[in-house]
C-alpha atoms as a PDB file:
ATOM      1  CA  MET A   1     110.290  44.349  80.371  1.00  0.00           C
ATOM      2  CA  CYS A   2     108.278  45.452  77.339  1.00  0.00           C
ATOM      3  CA  ARG A   3     107.255  49.110  77.435  1.00  0.00           C
ATOM      4  CA  TYR A   4     104.159  48.546  75.304  1.00  0.00           C
ATOM      5  CA  GLY A   5     103.210  45.583  77.444  1.00  0.00           C
ATOM      6  CA  LEU A   6     103.368  47.812  80.508  1.00  0.00           C
ATOM      7  CA  LYS A   7     101.305  50.490  78.757  1.00  0.00           C
ATOM      8  CA  SER A   8      98.707  47.929  77.674  1.00  0.00           C
ATOM      9  CA  LYS A   9      98.459  46.524  81.199  1.00  0.00           C
ATOM     10  CA  ASP A  10      98.090  50.003  82.672  1.00  0.00           C
ATOM     11  CA  LEU A  11      95.404  50.951  80.155  1.00  0.00           C
ATOM     12  CA  LEU A  12      93.404  47.806  80.833  1.00  0.00           C
ATOM     13  CA  GLU A  13      93.618  48.250  84.594  1.00  0.00           C
ATOM     14  CA  ARG A  14      92.504  51.871  84.322  1.00  0.00           C
ATOM     15  CA  GLN A  15      89.495  50.639  82.371  1.00  0.00           C
ATOM     16  CA  GLY A  16      88.603  48.222  85.172  1.00  0.00           C
ATOM     17  CA  TYR A  17      89.891  44.979  83.660  1.00  0.00           C
ATOM     18  CA  GLN A  18      91.527  42.234  85.699  1.00  0.00           C
ATOM     19  CA  VAL A  19      94.772  41.494  83.882  1.00  0.00           C
ATOM     20  CA  ASP A  20      96.406  38.090  83.592  1.00  0.00           C
ATOM     21  CA  ASP A  21      99.898  39.180  82.558  1.00  0.00           C
ATOM     22  CA  ARG A  22     101.679  36.274  80.894  1.00  0.00           C
ATOM     23  CA  HIS A  23     105.377  36.869  80.341  1.00  0.00           C
ATOM     24  CA  LEU A  24     107.386  35.384  77.491  1.00  0.00           C
ATOM     25  CA  THR A  25     110.748  34.735  79.073  1.00  0.00           C
ATOM     26  CA  SER A  26     112.842  33.498  76.157  1.00  0.00           C
ATOM     27  CA  ARG A  27     113.331  33.977  72.444  1.00  0.00           C
ATOM     28  CA  ASP A  28     111.936  30.497  71.830  1.00  0.00           C
ATOM     29  CA  GLU A  29     108.749  31.306  73.740  1.00  0.00           C
ATOM     30  CA  VAL A  30     108.314  34.489  71.726  1.00  0.00           C
ATOM     31  CA  ASP A  31     108.783  32.649  68.430  1.00  0.00           C
ATOM     32  CA  VAL A  32     106.334  29.913  69.413  1.00  0.00           C
ATOM     33  CA  PHE A  33     103.760  32.510  70.507  1.00  0.00           C
ATOM     34  CA  LYS A  34     104.066  34.430  67.235  1.00  0.00           C
ATOM     35  CA  ALA A  35     103.708  31.284  65.168  1.00  0.00           C
ATOM     36  CA  LYS A  36     100.723  30.037  67.172  1.00  0.00           C
ATOM     37  CA  HIS A  37      98.764  33.280  66.849  1.00  0.00           C
ATOM     38  CA  ASP A  38     100.143  34.292  63.435  1.00  0.00           C
ATOM     39  CA  VAL A  39     101.384  37.681  64.638  1.00  0.00           C
ATOM     40  CA  LYS A  40     104.582  39.586  63.916  1.00  0.00           C
ATOM     41  CA  THR A  41     104.947  41.538  67.151  1.00  0.00           C
ATOM     42  CA  THR A  42     104.436  41.267  70.875  1.00  0.00           C
ATOM     43  CA  PRO A  43     102.812  42.095  73.222  1.00  0.00           C
ATOM     44  CA  GLN A  44      99.355  40.943  72.194  1.00  0.00           C
ATOM     45  CA  THR A  45      96.234  41.620  74.228  1.00  0.00           C
ATOM     46  CA  PHE A  46      93.362  39.157  74.503  1.00  0.00           C
ATOM     47  CA  ILE A  47      90.003  39.993  76.026  1.00  0.00           C
ATOM     48  CA  GLY A  48      88.417  36.683  76.822  1.00  0.00           C
ATOM     49  CA  GLU A  49      89.258  34.453  73.886  1.00  0.00           C
ATOM     50  CA  THR A  50      89.385  37.330  71.400  1.00  0.00           C
ATOM     51  CA  ARG A  51      92.741  38.660  70.299  1.00  0.00           C
ATOM     52  CA  ILE A  52      92.703  42.459  70.211  1.00  0.00           C
ATOM     53  CA  GLY A  53      96.276  43.105  69.108  1.00  0.00           C
ATOM     54  CA  GLY A  54      99.054  45.445  70.158  1.00  0.00           C
ATOM     55  CA  PHE A  55      98.844  48.646  72.175  1.00  0.00           C
ATOM     56  CA  ASP A  56      97.490  50.779  69.316  1.00  0.00           C
ATOM     57  CA  ASP A  57      94.851  48.156  68.536  1.00  0.00           C
ATOM     58  CA  LEU A  58      93.907  47.988  72.200  1.00  0.00           C
ATOM     59  CA  SER A  59      93.628  51.771  72.428  1.00  0.00           C
ATOM     60  CA  ALA A  60      91.354  51.850  69.393  1.00  0.00           C
ATOM     61  CA  HIS A  61      89.276  48.962  70.763  1.00  0.00           C
ATOM     62  CA  LEU A  62      88.738  50.847  74.018  1.00  0.00           C
ATOM     63  CA  GLY A  63      87.794  54.027  72.186  1.00  0.00           C
ATOM     64  CA  LYS A  64      90.981  55.919  72.919  1.00  0.00           C
ATOM     65  CA  VAL A  65      92.111  58.401  70.288  1.00  0.00           C
ATOM     66  CA  THR A  66      95.457  57.506  68.771  1.00  0.00           C
ATOM     67  CA  LYS A  67      97.143  60.200  66.729  1.00  0.00           C
ATOM     68  CA  SER A  68      99.349  59.579  63.756  1.00  0.00           C
ATOM     69  CA  LYS A  69     103.032  60.243  64.337  1.00  0.00           C
ATOM     70  CA  ASP A  70     102.862  62.786  61.513  1.00  0.00           C
ATOM     71  CA  ALA A  71      99.774  64.582  62.832  1.00  0.00           C
ATOM     72  CA  THR A  72     100.175  68.300  63.435  1.00  0.00           C
ATOM     73  CA  THR A  73      99.962  69.593  66.984  1.00  0.00           C
ATOM     74  CA  TYR A  74     100.389  72.847  68.875  1.00  0.00           C
ATOM     75  CA  LYS A  75     101.252  71.109  72.159  1.00  0.00           C
ATOM     76  CA  PRO A  76     105.050  71.642  72.005  1.00  0.00           C
ATOM     77  CA  VAL A  77     104.816  75.383  71.448  1.00  0.00           C
ATOM     78  CA  ILE A  78     102.012  75.806  74.000  1.00  0.00           C
ATOM     79  CA  ALA A  79     104.075  73.945  76.601  1.00  0.00           C
ATOM     80  CA  LEU A  80     107.166  75.996  75.774  1.00  0.00           C
ATOM     81  CA  PHE A  81     105.405  79.349  76.070  1.00  0.00           C
ATOM     82  CA  ALA A  82     103.636  78.274  79.266  1.00  0.00           C
ATOM     83  CA  VAL A  83     106.948  77.316  80.880  1.00  0.00           C
ATOM     84  CA  ALA A  84     108.539  80.552  79.642  1.00  0.00           C
ATOM     85  CA  LEU A  85     105.737  82.582  81.227  1.00  0.00           C
ATOM     86  CA  LEU A  86     106.054  80.769  84.548  1.00  0.00           C
ATOM     87  CA  MET A  87     109.818  81.244  84.483  1.00  0.00           C
ATOM     88  CA  ALA A  88     109.383  84.953  83.763  1.00  0.00           C
ATOM     89  CA  ILE A  89     106.988  85.310  86.697  1.00  0.00           C
ATOM     90  CA  ALA A  90     109.409  83.405  88.940  1.00  0.00           C
ATOM     91  CA  VAL A  91     112.330  85.621  87.905  1.00  0.00           C
ATOM     92  CA  THR A  92     110.214  88.736  88.462  1.00  0.00           C
ATOM     93  CA  TRP A  93     109.306  87.539  91.935  1.00  0.00           C
ATOM     94  CA  VAL A  94     112.920  86.830  92.874  1.00  0.00           C
ATOM     95  CA  ALA A  95     114.321  90.009  91.345  1.00  0.00           C
ATOM     96  CA  LEU A  96     111.592  92.530  92.093  1.00  0.00           C
ATOM     97  CA  GLY A  97     109.453  90.977  94.819  1.00  0.00           C
ATOM     98  CA  THR A  98     106.281  91.046  92.755  1.00  0.00           C
ATOM     99  CA  ALA A  99     104.616  88.663  90.327  1.00  0.00           C
ATOM    100  CA  PHE A 100     104.173  90.905  87.316  1.00  0.00           C
ATOM    101  CA  THR A 101     105.644  94.112  85.916  1.00  0.00           C
ATOM    102  CA  GLY A 102     106.578  95.404  82.503  1.00  0.00           C
ATOM    103  CA  ARG A 103     109.904  93.636  82.960  1.00  0.00           C
ATOM    104  CA  THR A 104     108.007  90.338  83.173  1.00  0.00           C
ATOM    105  CA  VAL A 105     106.947  90.723  79.553  1.00  0.00           C
ATOM    106  CA  GLU A 106     110.545  91.342  78.511  1.00  0.00           C
ATOM    107  CA  TRP A 107     111.707  88.283  80.423  1.00  0.00           C
ATOM    108  CA  PHE A 108     108.871  86.176  79.017  1.00  0.00           C
ATOM    109  CA  ILE A 109     109.818  86.928  75.430  1.00  0.00           C
ATOM    110  CA  SER A 110     113.567  86.657  75.992  1.00  0.00           C
ATOM    111  CA  ILE A 111     113.176  83.349  77.867  1.00  0.00           C
ATOM    112  CA  SER A 112     110.928  82.112  75.050  1.00  0.00           C
ATOM    113  CA  MET A 113     113.661  83.008  72.567  1.00  0.00           C
ATOM    114  CA  VAL A 114     116.235  81.032  74.537  1.00  0.00           C
ATOM    115  CA  LEU A 115     113.968  77.995  74.858  1.00  0.00           C
ATOM    116  CA  LEU A 116     113.065  78.119  71.167  1.00  0.00           C
ATOM    117  CA  GLY A 117     116.730  78.472  70.272  1.00  0.00           C
ATOM    118  CA  LEU A 118     117.591  75.509  72.467  1.00  0.00           C
ATOM    119  CA  GLN A 119     115.064  73.365  70.609  1.00  0.00           C
ATOM    120  CA  LYS A 120     116.737  74.260  67.328  1.00  0.00           C
ATOM    121  CA  LEU A 121     120.261  73.730  68.673  1.00  0.00           C
ATOM    122  CA  GLN A 122     119.452  70.110  69.544  1.00  0.00           C
ATOM    123  CA  ASP A 123     119.752  69.315  65.840  1.00  0.00           C
ATOM    124  CA  VAL A 124     120.876  72.328  63.843  1.00  0.00           C
ATOM    125  CA  GLU A 125     121.123  70.311  60.634  1.00  0.00           C
ATOM    126  CA  ARG A 126     117.492  69.197  60.723  1.00  0.00           C
ATOM    127  CA  PHE A 127     116.327  72.664  61.706  1.00  0.00           C
ATOM    128  CA  ALA A 128     118.263  74.306  58.877  1.00  0.00           C
ATOM    129  CA  THR A 129     116.801  71.839  56.381  1.00  0.00           C
ATOM    130  CA  MET A 130     113.211  72.452  57.504  1.00  0.00           C
ATOM    131  CA  PHE A 131     113.856  76.200  57.662  1.00  0.00           C
ATOM    132  CA  LEU A 132     114.671  76.181  53.945  1.00  0.00           C
ATOM    133  CA  ASN A 133     111.043  75.320  53.209  1.00  0.00           C
ATOM    134  CA  TYR A 134     109.877  78.853  53.887  1.00  0.00           C
ATOM    135  CA  ASP A 135     112.507  81.314  55.120  1.00  0.00           C
ATOM    136  CA  LEU A 136     113.290  83.786  52.353  1.00  0.00           C
ATOM    137  CA  LEU A 137     116.833  84.619  53.446  1.00  0.00           C
ATOM    138  CA  ALA A 138     117.776  80.985  54.079  1.00  0.00           C
ATOM    139  CA  GLN A 139     116.621  80.138  50.555  1.00  0.00           C
ATOM    140  CA  ARG A 140     119.141  82.667  49.229  1.00  0.00           C
ATOM    141  CA  TRP A 141     121.893  82.081  51.790  1.00  0.00           C
ATOM    142  CA  VAL A 142     121.726  78.514  53.090  1.00  0.00           C
ATOM    143  CA  ARG A 143     124.167  79.140  55.954  1.00  0.00           C
ATOM    144  CA  TYR A 144     121.647  81.532  57.506  1.00  0.00           C
ATOM    145  CA  GLY A 145     119.668  78.496  58.632  1.00  0.00           C
ATOM    146  CA  TYR A 146     122.658  77.408  60.703  1.00  0.00           C
ATOM    147  CA  VAL A 147     123.363  80.894  62.069  1.00  0.00           C
ATOM    148  CA  TYR A 148     119.759  81.626  63.043  1.00  0.00           C
ATOM    149  CA  SER A 149     119.652  79.320  66.077  1.00  0.00           C
ATOM    150  CA  PHE A 150     122.720  80.927  67.620  1.00  0.00           C
ATOM    151  CA  VAL A 151     121.486  84.461  66.949  1.00  0.00           C
ATOM    152  CA  GLU A 152     118.094  83.742  68.513  1.00  0.00           C
ATOM    153  CA  THR A 153     119.576  82.049  71.586  1.00  0.00           C
ATOM    154  CA  GLY A 154     122.333  84.604  72.069  1.00  0.00           C
ATOM    155  CA  ALA A 155     120.016  87.580  71.660  1.00  0.00           C
ATOM    156  CA  GLY A 156     117.572  86.037  74.109  1.00  0.00           C
ATOM    157  CA  LEU A 157     120.281  85.542  76.732  1.00  0.00           C
ATOM    158  CA  LEU A 158     121.528  89.116  76.389  1.00  0.00           C
ATOM    159  CA  MET A 159     117.983  90.467  76.574  1.00  0.00           C
ATOM    160  CA  MET A 160     117.316  88.392  79.701  1.00  0.00           C
ATOM    161  CA  ALA A 161     120.377  89.907  81.342  1.00  0.00           C
ATOM    162  CA  GLY A 162     119.561  93.384  80.086  1.00  0.00           C
ATOM    163  CA  VAL A 163     123.066  93.878  78.697  1.00  0.00           C
ATOM    164  CA  LEU A 164     124.376  94.803  75.246  1.00  0.00           C
ATOM    165  CA  THR A 165     120.878  95.775  74.161  1.00  0.00           C
ATOM    166  CA  TRP A 166     122.409  97.790  71.324  1.00  0.00           C
ATOM    167  CA  LEU A 167     123.588  94.439  69.908  1.00  0.00           C
ATOM    168  CA  SER A 168     120.903  91.941  70.927  1.00  0.00           C
ATOM    169  CA  ALA A 169     117.834  93.994  70.041  1.00  0.00           C
ATOM    170  CA  PRO A 170     118.837  94.827  66.434  1.00  0.00           C
ATOM    171  CA  ALA A 171     119.932  91.214  65.860  1.00  0.00           C
ATOM    172  CA  ALA A 172     116.602  89.892  67.129  1.00  0.00           C
ATOM    173  CA  LEU A 173     114.709  92.556  65.182  1.00  0.00           C
ATOM    174  CA  ILE A 174     116.384  91.562  61.922  1.00  0.00           C
ATOM    175  CA  VAL A 175     115.786  87.802  62.232  1.00  0.00           C
ATOM    176  CA  ALA A 176     112.233  88.319  63.511  1.00  0.00           C
ATOM    177  CA  SER A 177     111.355  90.690  60.671  1.00  0.00           C
ATOM    178  CA  ILE A 178     112.678  88.274  58.067  1.00  0.00           C
ATOM    179  CA  GLY A 179     110.812  85.462  59.818  1.00  0.00           C
ATOM    180  CA  ALA A 180     107.515  87.343  59.925  1.00  0.00           C
ATOM    181  CA  ILE A 181     107.699  88.246  56.241  1.00  0.00           C
ATOM    182  CA  SER A 182     108.662  84.676  55.309  1.00  0.00           C
ATOM    183  CA  VAL A 183     105.830  83.095  57.304  1.00  0.00           C
ATOM    184  CA  PHE A 184     103.262  85.582  56.010  1.00  0.00           C
ATOM    185  CA  LYS A 185     104.292  84.938  52.411  1.00  0.00           C
ATOM    186  CA  ALA A 186     104.377  81.147  52.745  1.00  0.00           C
ATOM    187  CA  VAL A 187     101.075  80.798  54.605  1.00  0.00           C
ATOM    188  CA  TYR A 188      98.874  83.713  53.611  1.00  0.00           C
ATOM    189  CA  ILE A 189     100.087  84.523  50.089  1.00  0.00           C
ATOM    190  CA  ASP A 190     101.404  81.229  48.703  1.00  0.00           C
ATOM    191  CA  LYS A 191      98.838  79.227  50.755  1.00  0.00           C
ATOM    192  CA  ARG A 192     101.368  76.505  51.559  1.00  0.00           C
ATOM    193  CA  GLU A 193     100.765  73.926  54.296  1.00  0.00           C
ATOM    194  CA  LEU A 194     104.094  73.451  56.037  1.00  0.00           C
ATOM    195  CA  LYS A 195     105.491  72.417  59.396  1.00  0.00           C
ATOM    196  CA  CYS A 196     107.096  75.167  61.447  1.00  0.00           C
ATOM    197  CA  ALA A 197     110.763  74.810  62.361  1.00  0.00           C
ATOM    198  CA  CYS A 198     110.188  77.066  65.387  1.00  0.00           C
ATOM    199  CA  VAL A 199     110.549  74.243  67.922  1.00  0.00           C
ATOM    200  CA  GLY A 200     113.189  72.268  66.069  1.00  0.00           C
ATOM    201  CA  GLY A 201     113.722  70.210  62.963  1.00  0.00           C
ATOM    202  CA  ASP A 202     111.326  67.397  63.896  1.00  0.00           C
ATOM    203  CA  SER A 203     108.483  69.773  64.693  1.00  0.00           C
ATOM    204  CA  LYS A 204     104.866  68.805  64.015  1.00  0.00           C
ATOM    205  CA  VAL A 205     103.668  72.356  64.706  1.00  0.00           C
ATOM    206  CA  PRO A 206     101.919  73.779  61.637  1.00  0.00           C
ATOM    207  CA  LEU A 207     103.371  76.929  60.133  1.00  0.00           C
ATOM    208  CA  GLY A 208     100.898  79.764  60.526  1.00  0.00           C
ATOM    209  CA  PHE A 209      99.419  82.078  63.131  1.00  0.00           C
ATOM    210  CA  VAL A 210     101.567  80.855  66.035  1.00  0.00           C
ATOM    211  CA  SER A 211     104.774  81.226  64.028  1.00  0.00           C
ATOM    212  CA  LEU A 212     103.794  84.689  62.867  1.00  0.00           C
ATOM    213  CA  THR A 213     102.851  85.709  66.412  1.00  0.00           C
ATOM    214  CA  GLU A 214     106.217  84.498  67.712  1.00  0.00           C
ATOM    215  CA  ASN A 215     108.045  86.737  65.253  1.00  0.00           C
ATOM    216  CA  LEU A 216     105.757  89.709  65.897  1.00  0.00           C
ATOM    217  CA  MET A 217     106.348  89.350  69.648  1.00  0.00           C
ATOM    218  CA  MET A 218     110.091  89.464  69.043  1.00  0.00           C
ATOM    219  CA  ILE A 219     109.701  92.535  66.847  1.00  0.00           C
ATOM    220  CA  GLY A 220     107.561  94.266  69.456  1.00  0.00           C
ATOM    221  CA  ILE A 221     109.901  93.645  72.379  1.00  0.00           C
ATOM    222  CA  THR A 222     113.014  94.630  70.440  1.00  0.00           C
ATOM    223  CA  VAL A 223     111.437  97.895  69.301  1.00  0.00           C
ATOM    224  CA  TRP A 224     110.405  98.535  72.904  1.00  0.00           C
ATOM    225  CA  MET A 225     113.898  97.839  74.233  1.00  0.00           C
ATOM    226  CA  LEU A 226     115.543  99.967  71.553  1.00  0.00           C
ATOM    227  CA  SER A 227     113.220 102.843  72.408  1.00  0.00           C
ATOM    228  CA  LYS A 228     114.583 102.802  75.970  1.00  0.00           C
ATOM    229  CA  LEU A 229     118.224 103.219  74.922  1.00  0.00           C
END
């Protein structure tokens, strides 16, 4: 089965078209089809006798917005923070029998740190390379880009558990402070347009307000937790 053929069929049916789905069942049939219609890829969509093209062409023909693979988007970080918030509320409910307390905020930020760290740990090499674009310490000590993911994840886990705060909070405070300064310099002083490595090395999230807010949240919660020691 062709995944783009299935997507094209689904799109047409959702637009009210009756679809005559003609399968090419062998390599020879595919080659003959390509030669006949002078195309390089399949599937191909026809509306009446007019060839529309592949899935992207069909989407454009039907007025559907198709984004470039390199287009920037905030969706990954919005989804991550939304899930982190829901997880924090769920943990609060299980642990304390209520939906929201001050501890919920701590759990939200610490869970966010773990999820963000997990994104980076999926491909530490790519993250470290992207991180070099703007992080001031990584530009002076390249190995910091490799260490960062583990520090962020480990600190988040300890903060979630509420243990070894004397270790986790200072560690998070240091990396968050460096991160905030680096982002502020790159975006607001140097006026550079970069992708943020915050959700991993293949991120399309633009470096800017969201990245700065992430670091400021970490700074705020670590200062708060240190003040309670």
